N, C-alpha and C. Protein backbone atom coordinates (compact mmCIF):
# COMPACT_ATOMS: atom_id res chain seq x y z
N MET A 1 89.40 102.21 103.13
CA MET A 1 90.49 101.72 103.93
C MET A 1 90.86 102.78 104.96
N ASP A 2 91.14 102.34 106.17
CA ASP A 2 91.49 103.29 107.22
C ASP A 2 93.02 103.39 107.38
N ARG A 3 93.42 104.34 108.20
CA ARG A 3 94.85 104.62 108.39
C ARG A 3 95.60 103.40 108.94
N THR A 4 95.01 102.72 109.92
CA THR A 4 95.67 101.57 110.53
C THR A 4 95.93 100.48 109.51
N GLU A 5 94.95 100.16 108.70
CA GLU A 5 95.11 99.13 107.67
C GLU A 5 96.13 99.56 106.62
N THR A 6 96.11 100.82 106.25
CA THR A 6 97.08 101.34 105.28
C THR A 6 98.51 101.17 105.80
N ILE A 7 98.72 101.54 107.05
CA ILE A 7 100.05 101.40 107.66
C ILE A 7 100.50 99.94 107.66
N LYS A 8 99.62 99.04 108.06
CA LYS A 8 99.95 97.61 108.09
C LYS A 8 100.33 97.09 106.72
N ARG A 9 99.56 97.47 105.70
CA ARG A 9 99.84 96.98 104.35
C ARG A 9 101.16 97.50 103.81
N ILE A 10 101.42 98.78 104.02
CA ILE A 10 102.68 99.36 103.54
C ILE A 10 103.86 98.72 104.27
N ARG A 11 103.77 98.61 105.58
CA ARG A 11 104.86 98.02 106.38
C ARG A 11 105.15 96.58 105.93
N LYS A 12 104.11 95.78 105.77
CA LYS A 12 104.27 94.38 105.37
C LYS A 12 104.87 94.28 103.97
N ALA A 13 104.36 95.06 103.05
CA ALA A 13 104.84 94.99 101.67
C ALA A 13 106.32 95.37 101.57
N LEU A 14 106.71 96.42 102.27
CA LEU A 14 108.12 96.85 102.22
C LEU A 14 109.03 95.79 102.83
N LYS A 15 108.60 95.18 103.93
CA LYS A 15 109.42 94.13 104.55
C LYS A 15 109.50 92.90 103.65
N ASP A 16 108.36 92.50 103.08
CA ASP A 16 108.34 91.33 102.19
C ASP A 16 109.25 91.53 100.98
N ARG A 17 109.25 92.74 100.43
CA ARG A 17 110.01 93.00 99.21
C ARG A 17 111.49 93.29 99.47
N SER A 18 111.82 93.83 100.64
CA SER A 18 113.21 94.20 100.90
C SER A 18 113.93 93.24 101.83
N GLY A 19 113.16 92.46 102.60
CA GLY A 19 113.77 91.55 103.55
C GLY A 19 114.19 92.22 104.85
N LYS A 20 113.87 93.50 105.00
CA LYS A 20 114.20 94.18 106.25
C LYS A 20 113.04 95.07 106.67
N PRO A 21 112.96 95.35 107.98
CA PRO A 21 111.84 96.16 108.48
C PRO A 21 111.97 97.64 108.12
N TRP A 22 110.82 98.30 108.04
CA TRP A 22 110.74 99.75 107.82
C TRP A 22 109.79 100.32 108.85
N SER A 23 110.03 101.53 109.27
CA SER A 23 109.15 102.22 110.20
C SER A 23 108.06 102.92 109.40
N VAL A 24 106.83 102.51 109.63
CA VAL A 24 105.68 103.13 108.97
C VAL A 24 104.74 103.55 110.10
N THR A 25 104.63 104.85 110.29
CA THR A 25 103.90 105.36 111.45
C THR A 25 102.90 106.43 111.05
N GLY A 26 101.86 106.56 111.85
CA GLY A 26 100.85 107.59 111.64
C GLY A 26 101.13 108.81 112.48
N GLY A 27 100.76 109.95 111.96
CA GLY A 27 100.95 111.20 112.69
C GLY A 27 100.01 111.31 113.88
N ARG A 28 100.24 112.34 114.66
CA ARG A 28 99.41 112.58 115.85
C ARG A 28 98.85 113.99 115.79
N GLY A 29 97.83 114.22 116.57
CA GLY A 29 97.24 115.56 116.63
C GLY A 29 96.70 116.00 115.27
N THR A 30 97.05 117.22 114.87
CA THR A 30 96.54 117.75 113.59
C THR A 30 97.11 117.00 112.39
N ALA A 31 98.19 116.24 112.58
CA ALA A 31 98.79 115.45 111.50
C ALA A 31 98.33 113.99 111.57
N TYR A 32 97.23 113.72 112.25
CA TYR A 32 96.78 112.36 112.50
C TYR A 32 96.72 111.48 111.25
N GLY A 33 96.20 111.96 110.18
CA GLY A 33 96.03 111.14 108.98
C GLY A 33 97.29 110.95 108.16
N TRP A 34 98.30 111.74 108.40
CA TRP A 34 99.55 111.63 107.65
C TRP A 34 100.31 110.38 108.10
N ILE A 35 101.05 109.79 107.15
CA ILE A 35 101.83 108.58 107.41
C ILE A 35 103.27 108.87 107.01
N THR A 36 104.22 108.39 107.81
CA THR A 36 105.63 108.56 107.51
C THR A 36 106.29 107.20 107.35
N ILE A 37 107.10 107.06 106.30
CA ILE A 37 107.90 105.86 106.08
C ILE A 37 109.37 106.26 106.27
N ASP A 38 110.07 105.51 107.10
CA ASP A 38 111.46 105.82 107.42
C ASP A 38 112.17 104.51 107.76
N ALA A 39 113.48 104.58 107.91
CA ALA A 39 114.21 103.45 108.46
C ALA A 39 113.85 103.36 109.94
N PRO A 40 113.88 102.16 110.53
CA PRO A 40 113.61 102.07 111.97
C PRO A 40 114.72 102.75 112.76
N PRO A 41 114.44 103.14 114.00
CA PRO A 41 115.44 103.85 114.80
C PRO A 41 116.81 103.18 114.87
N ALA A 42 116.85 101.86 114.87
CA ALA A 42 118.14 101.16 114.95
C ALA A 42 119.04 101.46 113.75
N ARG A 43 118.42 101.84 112.60
CA ARG A 43 119.22 102.15 111.41
C ARG A 43 119.34 103.66 111.17
N CYS A 44 118.80 104.46 112.05
CA CYS A 44 118.92 105.92 111.93
C CYS A 44 120.14 106.39 112.71
N THR A 45 121.30 106.20 112.12
CA THR A 45 122.58 106.47 112.79
C THR A 45 123.42 107.49 112.03
N TRP A 46 122.83 108.18 111.09
CA TRP A 46 123.56 109.15 110.26
C TRP A 46 123.26 110.57 110.72
N ARG A 47 124.21 111.48 110.48
CA ARG A 47 124.03 112.89 110.79
C ARG A 47 124.80 113.72 109.79
N TRP A 48 124.45 115.00 109.72
CA TRP A 48 125.17 115.94 108.86
C TRP A 48 126.26 116.62 109.69
N GLU A 49 127.42 116.74 109.13
CA GLU A 49 128.55 117.35 109.82
C GLU A 49 128.97 118.61 109.08
N ASP A 50 129.15 119.68 109.83
CA ASP A 50 129.61 120.90 109.19
C ASP A 50 131.14 120.86 109.08
N PRO A 51 131.66 121.44 108.06
CA PRO A 51 133.10 121.39 107.83
C PRO A 51 133.88 122.22 108.86
N VAL A 52 135.10 121.85 109.03
CA VAL A 52 135.97 122.54 109.99
C VAL A 52 136.20 123.99 109.58
N ASN A 53 136.28 124.26 108.31
CA ASN A 53 136.60 125.60 107.81
C ASN A 53 135.39 126.52 107.71
N GLY A 54 134.28 126.09 108.17
CA GLY A 54 133.08 126.93 108.06
C GLY A 54 132.27 126.59 106.82
N ILE A 55 131.00 126.90 106.87
CA ILE A 55 130.09 126.56 105.79
C ILE A 55 130.08 127.67 104.75
N LYS A 56 130.39 127.30 103.53
CA LYS A 56 130.36 128.26 102.43
C LYS A 56 129.16 128.01 101.52
N SER A 57 128.72 126.75 101.46
CA SER A 57 127.55 126.41 100.64
C SER A 57 126.98 125.10 101.15
N ASP A 58 125.82 124.71 100.62
CA ASP A 58 125.21 123.44 101.01
C ASP A 58 126.12 122.27 100.69
N ASP A 59 126.95 122.40 99.68
CA ASP A 59 127.85 121.33 99.28
C ASP A 59 128.95 121.07 100.30
N ASP A 60 129.18 122.01 101.23
CA ASP A 60 130.22 121.85 102.22
C ASP A 60 129.85 120.84 103.32
N TRP A 61 128.57 120.60 103.52
CA TRP A 61 128.14 119.64 104.54
C TRP A 61 128.47 118.24 104.07
N ARG A 62 128.78 117.35 105.01
CA ARG A 62 128.98 115.95 104.66
C ARG A 62 128.21 115.07 105.63
N GLU A 63 127.83 113.92 105.15
CA GLU A 63 127.02 113.00 105.94
C GLU A 63 127.94 111.94 106.54
N VAL A 64 127.79 111.68 107.83
CA VAL A 64 128.62 110.69 108.51
C VAL A 64 127.74 109.73 109.30
N ASN A 65 128.21 108.51 109.43
CA ASN A 65 127.48 107.46 110.15
C ASN A 65 128.14 107.23 111.49
N ASP A 66 127.80 108.06 112.47
CA ASP A 66 128.43 107.90 113.78
C ASP A 66 127.52 108.28 114.94
N CYS A 67 126.22 108.23 114.74
CA CYS A 67 125.28 108.55 115.83
C CYS A 67 124.83 107.27 116.52
N ALA A 68 124.36 107.41 117.73
CA ALA A 68 123.73 106.29 118.42
C ALA A 68 122.43 105.95 117.68
N PRO A 69 122.04 104.67 117.66
CA PRO A 69 120.79 104.31 116.99
C PRO A 69 119.63 105.18 117.47
N GLY A 70 118.88 105.69 116.52
CA GLY A 70 117.72 106.53 116.82
C GLY A 70 118.05 107.99 117.04
N ALA A 71 119.32 108.33 117.07
CA ALA A 71 119.72 109.72 117.33
C ALA A 71 119.96 110.50 116.04
N GLY A 72 119.90 109.83 114.91
CA GLY A 72 120.19 110.48 113.65
C GLY A 72 119.09 110.28 112.63
N HIS A 73 119.50 110.18 111.37
CA HIS A 73 118.54 110.00 110.29
C HIS A 73 118.94 108.81 109.41
N MET A 74 118.08 108.50 108.45
CA MET A 74 118.29 107.39 107.53
C MET A 74 119.51 107.66 106.65
N GLY A 75 120.31 106.64 106.44
CA GLY A 75 121.52 106.77 105.64
C GLY A 75 121.27 106.65 104.15
N PRO A 76 122.31 106.90 103.34
CA PRO A 76 122.17 106.89 101.89
C PRO A 76 121.72 105.55 101.31
N ASP A 77 122.21 104.44 101.86
CA ASP A 77 121.80 103.13 101.32
C ASP A 77 120.32 102.87 101.55
N ASP A 78 119.83 103.20 102.75
CA ASP A 78 118.40 103.03 103.02
C ASP A 78 117.56 103.96 102.15
N ARG A 79 118.03 105.18 101.94
CA ARG A 79 117.28 106.11 101.08
C ARG A 79 117.17 105.57 99.66
N LYS A 80 118.27 105.05 99.17
CA LYS A 80 118.27 104.49 97.80
C LYS A 80 117.35 103.27 97.72
N LYS A 81 117.43 102.40 98.72
CA LYS A 81 116.58 101.20 98.74
C LYS A 81 115.10 101.57 98.82
N LEU A 82 114.76 102.49 99.71
CA LEU A 82 113.36 102.89 99.87
C LEU A 82 112.84 103.57 98.61
N ALA A 83 113.65 104.42 98.01
CA ALA A 83 113.24 105.06 96.76
C ALA A 83 112.94 104.01 95.69
N GLY A 84 113.79 103.00 95.58
CA GLY A 84 113.56 101.92 94.61
C GLY A 84 112.30 101.14 94.90
N LEU A 85 112.07 100.82 96.17
CA LEU A 85 110.87 100.07 96.55
C LEU A 85 109.59 100.83 96.23
N LEU A 86 109.66 102.17 96.33
CA LEU A 86 108.47 102.99 96.09
C LEU A 86 108.43 103.59 94.69
N SER A 87 109.39 103.22 93.85
CA SER A 87 109.49 103.76 92.48
C SER A 87 109.52 105.29 92.48
N LEU A 88 110.36 105.84 93.35
CA LEU A 88 110.58 107.28 93.43
C LEU A 88 112.01 107.59 93.00
N ASP A 89 112.24 108.80 92.52
CA ASP A 89 113.59 109.19 92.12
C ASP A 89 114.53 109.27 93.30
N LYS A 90 114.03 109.79 94.41
CA LYS A 90 114.84 109.90 95.62
C LYS A 90 113.94 110.00 96.83
N VAL A 91 114.54 109.82 98.01
CA VAL A 91 113.83 109.90 99.27
C VAL A 91 114.61 110.84 100.18
N HIS A 92 113.93 111.69 100.90
CA HIS A 92 114.55 112.63 101.84
C HIS A 92 115.17 111.86 103.00
N PHE A 93 116.20 112.40 103.60
CA PHE A 93 116.85 111.70 104.72
C PHE A 93 115.94 111.54 105.93
N GLN A 94 114.84 112.29 105.99
CA GLN A 94 113.86 112.13 107.07
C GLN A 94 112.70 111.21 106.67
N GLY A 95 112.79 110.59 105.52
CA GLY A 95 111.78 109.64 105.10
C GLY A 95 110.77 110.21 104.12
N VAL A 96 109.68 109.47 103.95
CA VAL A 96 108.61 109.84 103.01
C VAL A 96 107.36 110.19 103.82
N SER A 97 106.77 111.34 103.54
CA SER A 97 105.53 111.76 104.20
C SER A 97 104.37 111.57 103.23
N ILE A 98 103.37 110.84 103.67
CA ILE A 98 102.19 110.57 102.85
C ILE A 98 101.03 111.37 103.42
N PRO A 99 100.45 112.27 102.62
CA PRO A 99 99.35 113.10 103.11
C PRO A 99 98.12 112.29 103.53
N ALA A 100 97.29 112.93 104.32
CA ALA A 100 96.09 112.32 104.90
C ALA A 100 94.93 112.34 103.91
N ALA A 101 95.00 111.49 102.91
CA ALA A 101 93.91 111.39 101.93
C ALA A 101 93.94 109.99 101.33
N SER A 102 92.77 109.42 101.09
CA SER A 102 92.68 108.04 100.62
C SER A 102 93.39 107.82 99.29
N ASP A 103 93.39 108.82 98.39
CA ASP A 103 94.10 108.65 97.12
C ASP A 103 95.60 108.49 97.36
N TYR A 104 96.16 109.30 98.25
CA TYR A 104 97.59 109.16 98.58
C TYR A 104 97.85 107.80 99.24
N TRP A 105 96.99 107.40 100.15
CA TRP A 105 97.18 106.12 100.82
C TRP A 105 97.19 104.98 99.81
N GLN A 106 96.25 104.99 98.88
CA GLN A 106 96.20 103.93 97.87
C GLN A 106 97.43 103.98 96.96
N GLU A 107 97.85 105.17 96.59
CA GLU A 107 99.06 105.31 95.77
C GLU A 107 100.25 104.64 96.45
N TYR A 108 100.43 104.87 97.73
CA TYR A 108 101.60 104.32 98.42
C TYR A 108 101.44 102.85 98.79
N ILE A 109 100.23 102.36 98.94
CA ILE A 109 100.02 100.91 99.07
C ILE A 109 100.47 100.26 97.77
N ASP A 110 100.01 100.78 96.64
CA ASP A 110 100.40 100.22 95.34
C ASP A 110 101.91 100.27 95.16
N ARG A 111 102.52 101.39 95.45
CA ARG A 111 103.98 101.53 95.31
C ARG A 111 104.71 100.51 96.20
N ALA A 112 104.30 100.41 97.46
CA ALA A 112 104.95 99.49 98.39
C ALA A 112 104.79 98.04 97.96
N GLU A 113 103.65 97.72 97.37
CA GLU A 113 103.40 96.35 96.92
C GLU A 113 103.98 96.07 95.54
N GLY A 114 104.69 97.04 94.97
CA GLY A 114 105.40 96.83 93.71
C GLY A 114 104.56 97.01 92.46
N ARG A 115 103.45 97.70 92.56
CA ARG A 115 102.57 97.94 91.41
C ARG A 115 102.61 99.40 90.99
N LYS A 116 102.26 99.63 89.75
CA LYS A 116 102.05 101.00 89.29
C LYS A 116 100.82 101.52 90.02
N PRO A 117 100.87 102.73 90.57
CA PRO A 117 99.73 103.25 91.33
C PRO A 117 98.45 103.32 90.49
N THR A 118 97.35 102.83 91.09
CA THR A 118 96.04 102.90 90.43
C THR A 118 95.43 104.29 90.60
N ARG A 119 95.90 105.01 91.62
CA ARG A 119 95.47 106.40 91.86
C ARG A 119 96.70 107.20 92.25
N ILE A 120 96.69 108.46 91.92
CA ILE A 120 97.75 109.38 92.32
C ILE A 120 97.10 110.47 93.16
N GLY A 121 97.63 110.66 94.35
CA GLY A 121 97.09 111.69 95.23
C GLY A 121 97.32 113.08 94.65
N GLU A 122 96.35 113.96 94.85
CA GLU A 122 96.47 115.34 94.38
C GLU A 122 96.47 116.27 95.59
N GLN A 123 97.35 117.24 95.57
CA GLN A 123 97.49 118.16 96.69
C GLN A 123 96.15 118.85 96.98
N TYR A 124 95.75 118.83 98.23
CA TYR A 124 94.45 119.40 98.62
C TYR A 124 94.62 120.61 99.55
N TRP A 125 95.84 121.04 99.79
CA TRP A 125 96.09 122.17 100.66
C TRP A 125 96.78 123.28 99.88
N ASP A 126 96.83 124.47 100.48
CA ASP A 126 97.45 125.62 99.81
C ASP A 126 98.94 125.54 99.87
C-alpha cells in the first residue's frame, strides 16, 4: 500500500466513524512518508494562554478557544474523540504523527477502521 492510499483510507474511516471530517496529510521533503492526523483548520481554534501573574509551572498555562480558524490547534473535545477513534490513551494537541513505514501505516489503517491492529509499527530510527 502506498502513502496516498493509506491517507485516503484513514481519512474515510475516521469520517465514517465520527461523522465529521479529519485532516489526514502526508509530509513533504525529508518527512515525505510521514502522515499527520489532526482536526481540519476550521476546528483548530484553540491556543495556550500564559497566566497574568507569570509562569511558575506547566500547570499555570490554560487552553482557550479564541483563535481564528486555522490559527491555533485542536481542542480538547477533538483530542478526546480522535484518541477514542484510534484506541489511544490520548492525542497531542498538534495531532497524531505516523512514521514513514508500512507497519505503522497498517496499524493506523486498522485503528481508524475500528479494528485491533494486525501489525504494530516498531521504531526504526535512533
